[in-house]
Amino acid sequence: MYDPFLTAMVLTVTIAMFPAIFMLYFMLFRKAMFTVIQVFRKHNAVGEQNAKTIKELGLMPRHFFDPFKPALRDYKPQALQSLIIHDIVQVTVDQKLYLSEENLLAILPTLGPRN
């Protein structure tokens, strides 16, 4: 038997979940961006002379069947790609990466160089 109240409730809950899902994605992506920036600073890859490969930085994308890592989605490769697109992370001719503190400060002034 058709119940319009139950249908309305299911539809309302489904529509209300969309903002929550996008908000969760945004929070995880933002956290991954901060993590990637900290990885560059930890490895002192903050200038062209100190550039490192993705493997040296430990930012290689995970394989689907990697049994030694948790099954949660890893947003760091997407965050790294976004930082490259916005010129915060620079790529050298030999495919090494480094963090441009000047560009980071210009785009996100609250994340300036850490002492």
Protein backbone atom coordinates (compact mmCIF):
# COMPACT_ATOMS: atom_id res chain seq x y z
CA MET A 1 0.00 0.00 0.00
CA TYR A 2 1.30 3.46 -0.92
CA ASP A 3 2.11 5.74 2.01
CA PRO A 4 2.76 9.35 0.92
CA PHE A 5 4.17 10.31 4.34
CA LEU A 6 6.79 7.55 4.21
CA THR A 7 7.71 8.51 0.65
CA ALA A 8 8.08 12.16 1.65
CA MET A 9 10.28 11.21 4.62
CA VAL A 10 12.58 9.01 2.52
CA LEU A 11 12.87 11.73 -0.12
CA THR A 12 13.60 14.39 2.52
CA VAL A 13 16.31 12.29 4.18
CA THR A 14 17.89 11.48 0.81
CA ILE A 15 17.99 15.14 -0.23
CA ALA A 16 19.36 16.17 3.17
CA MET A 17 22.26 13.69 2.82
CA PHE A 18 23.73 15.36 -0.28
CA PRO A 19 25.13 18.44 1.52
CA ALA A 20 26.55 16.21 4.24
CA ILE A 21 28.33 14.03 1.67
CA PHE A 22 29.84 17.04 -0.12
CA MET A 23 30.87 18.57 3.18
CA LEU A 24 32.63 15.34 4.21
CA TYR A 25 34.44 15.20 0.86
CA PHE A 26 35.54 18.84 1.22
CA MET A 27 36.83 18.26 4.77
CA LEU A 28 38.82 15.15 3.77
CA PHE A 29 40.23 16.88 0.69
CA ARG A 30 41.25 19.93 2.72
CA LYS A 31 42.93 17.74 5.33
CA ALA A 32 44.83 15.96 2.55
CA MET A 33 46.05 19.30 1.17
CA PHE A 34 47.44 20.29 4.57
CA THR A 35 49.04 16.84 4.90
CA VAL A 36 50.74 17.16 1.50
CA ILE A 37 52.08 20.61 2.39
CA GLN A 38 53.45 19.23 5.67
CA VAL A 39 55.11 16.34 3.80
CA PHE A 40 56.96 18.81 1.57
CA ARG A 41 58.08 20.81 4.60
CA LYS A 42 59.09 17.67 6.52
CA HIS A 43 61.31 16.53 3.62
CA ASN A 44 62.63 20.09 3.16
CA ALA A 45 61.43 20.16 -0.45
CA VAL A 46 60.74 23.89 -0.36
CA GLY A 47 63.01 25.05 -3.17
CA GLU A 48 64.09 23.91 -6.60
CA GLN A 49 67.48 22.85 -5.26
CA ASN A 50 65.77 20.58 -2.68
CA ALA A 51 63.17 19.09 -5.06
CA LYS A 52 62.24 15.45 -4.49
CA THR A 53 60.45 12.77 -6.47
CA ILE A 54 56.97 11.61 -5.55
CA LYS A 55 58.46 8.34 -4.32
CA GLU A 56 60.98 10.12 -2.08
CA LEU A 57 58.15 12.17 -0.58
CA GLY A 58 56.03 9.08 0.00
CA LEU A 59 53.11 10.46 -2.01
CA MET A 60 52.76 7.59 -4.47
CA PRO A 61 49.14 6.67 -5.17
CA ARG A 62 48.07 3.52 -3.39
CA HIS A 63 47.31 0.36 -5.27
CA PHE A 64 43.81 -1.02 -4.99
CA PHE A 65 44.92 -4.26 -3.39
CA ASP A 66 47.52 -2.86 -1.00
CA PRO A 67 46.97 -5.05 2.08
CA PHE A 68 49.13 -2.98 4.43
CA LYS A 69 47.08 0.23 4.36
CA PRO A 70 43.58 0.94 5.58
CA ALA A 71 40.74 0.72 3.10
CA LEU A 72 39.76 4.40 3.41
CA ARG A 73 40.10 6.54 0.32
CA ASP A 74 43.37 8.43 -0.01
CA TYR A 75 42.82 12.03 -1.12
CA LYS A 76 46.51 12.97 -1.18
CA PRO A 77 47.04 12.30 -4.93
CA GLN A 78 44.09 14.56 -5.79
CA ALA A 79 45.31 17.20 -3.33
CA LEU A 80 48.81 17.06 -4.84
CA GLN A 81 47.36 17.45 -8.34
CA SER A 82 45.33 20.45 -7.19
CA LEU A 83 48.42 22.05 -5.63
CA ILE A 84 50.33 21.52 -8.89
CA ILE A 85 47.51 23.10 -10.91
CA HIS A 86 47.52 26.15 -8.63
CA ASP A 87 51.36 26.44 -8.86
CA ILE A 88 51.83 25.91 -5.15
CA VAL A 89 53.81 22.76 -5.93
CA GLN A 90 56.24 23.21 -8.82
CA VAL A 91 57.55 20.46 -11.11
CA THR A 92 61.14 20.54 -12.37
CA VAL A 93 62.24 19.33 -15.81
CA ASP A 94 63.37 16.01 -14.30
CA GLN A 95 59.89 15.48 -12.74
CA LYS A 96 60.90 16.37 -9.20
CA LEU A 97 58.52 18.36 -7.01
CA TYR A 98 59.01 21.19 -4.58
CA LEU A 99 56.79 23.50 -2.56
CA SER A 100 56.77 27.16 -3.59
CA GLU A 101 56.36 29.02 -0.30
CA GLU A 102 55.85 32.32 -2.17
CA ASN A 103 52.88 30.99 -4.16
CA LEU A 104 51.49 29.28 -1.08
CA LEU A 105 51.66 32.53 0.86
CA ALA A 106 50.02 34.43 -2.01
CA ILE A 107 47.09 32.00 -2.22
CA LEU A 108 46.75 30.91 1.40
CA PRO A 109 48.35 33.61 3.59
CA THR A 110 47.58 31.76 6.84
CA LEU A 111 49.84 28.85 5.77
CA GLY A 112 53.06 30.82 5.48
CA PRO A 113 56.47 29.31 6.23
CA ARG A 114 56.71 27.41 9.51
CA ASN A 115 59.63 28.06 11.80
